[in-house]
Amino acid sequence: MEKELLVKLDQNFQDYRQKLLQAMKEYSYRFKRYDVDYTVALYALSTPVDISFVENKIRKSDKAVLLDDGLIAILFDFVDAEGGLKASENILTELEPKMFGKKIFVSIVNSKDAQTKEEHIRKLFDLLRYEIKNDMTDIPLTI
């Protein structure tokens, strides 16, 4: 699964990037204008999960984005790095029973850890690739 997932990430990165850039617009604007943090968590799942399941587990101000089967990004609004880690762990706790015996990889980057949206996305995917290559399942990895 890991090798296929890494290939899929590389082949489809531009599509994922475009979807994330679009989803991050309003969050990025508030961050620049009002210095309001947001955190993005990227979940790679060995089995696809219905996006509505994830949407029901997050606040209305947060956003879940289905990038591909088994690849979901969640944007946590008004959340600093520590809060983003906690929110990501909470979602992981909700996903684990549905994914029993399956692998889940999670990367997390806060808006203050990147100068631009492009850097934010690059760091998210770099962390995710690192986790997959090192088989770091069920461990949210942040900068």
Foldseek 3Di string as FASTA:
>chain_A
DLVVVVVVCVVCVVLLLVQQVVVCVVQVVCCVPVVQKKKKKKKAWPAFDDQVLLVVLADPVKDWDDSDGRIIMIIGTSAAPVRQQVSVLSSLVVCCVVRPVIFMFMEMEMPVNDPDSVRNSVRRVVRRNVCSVVVVTSDYHYD
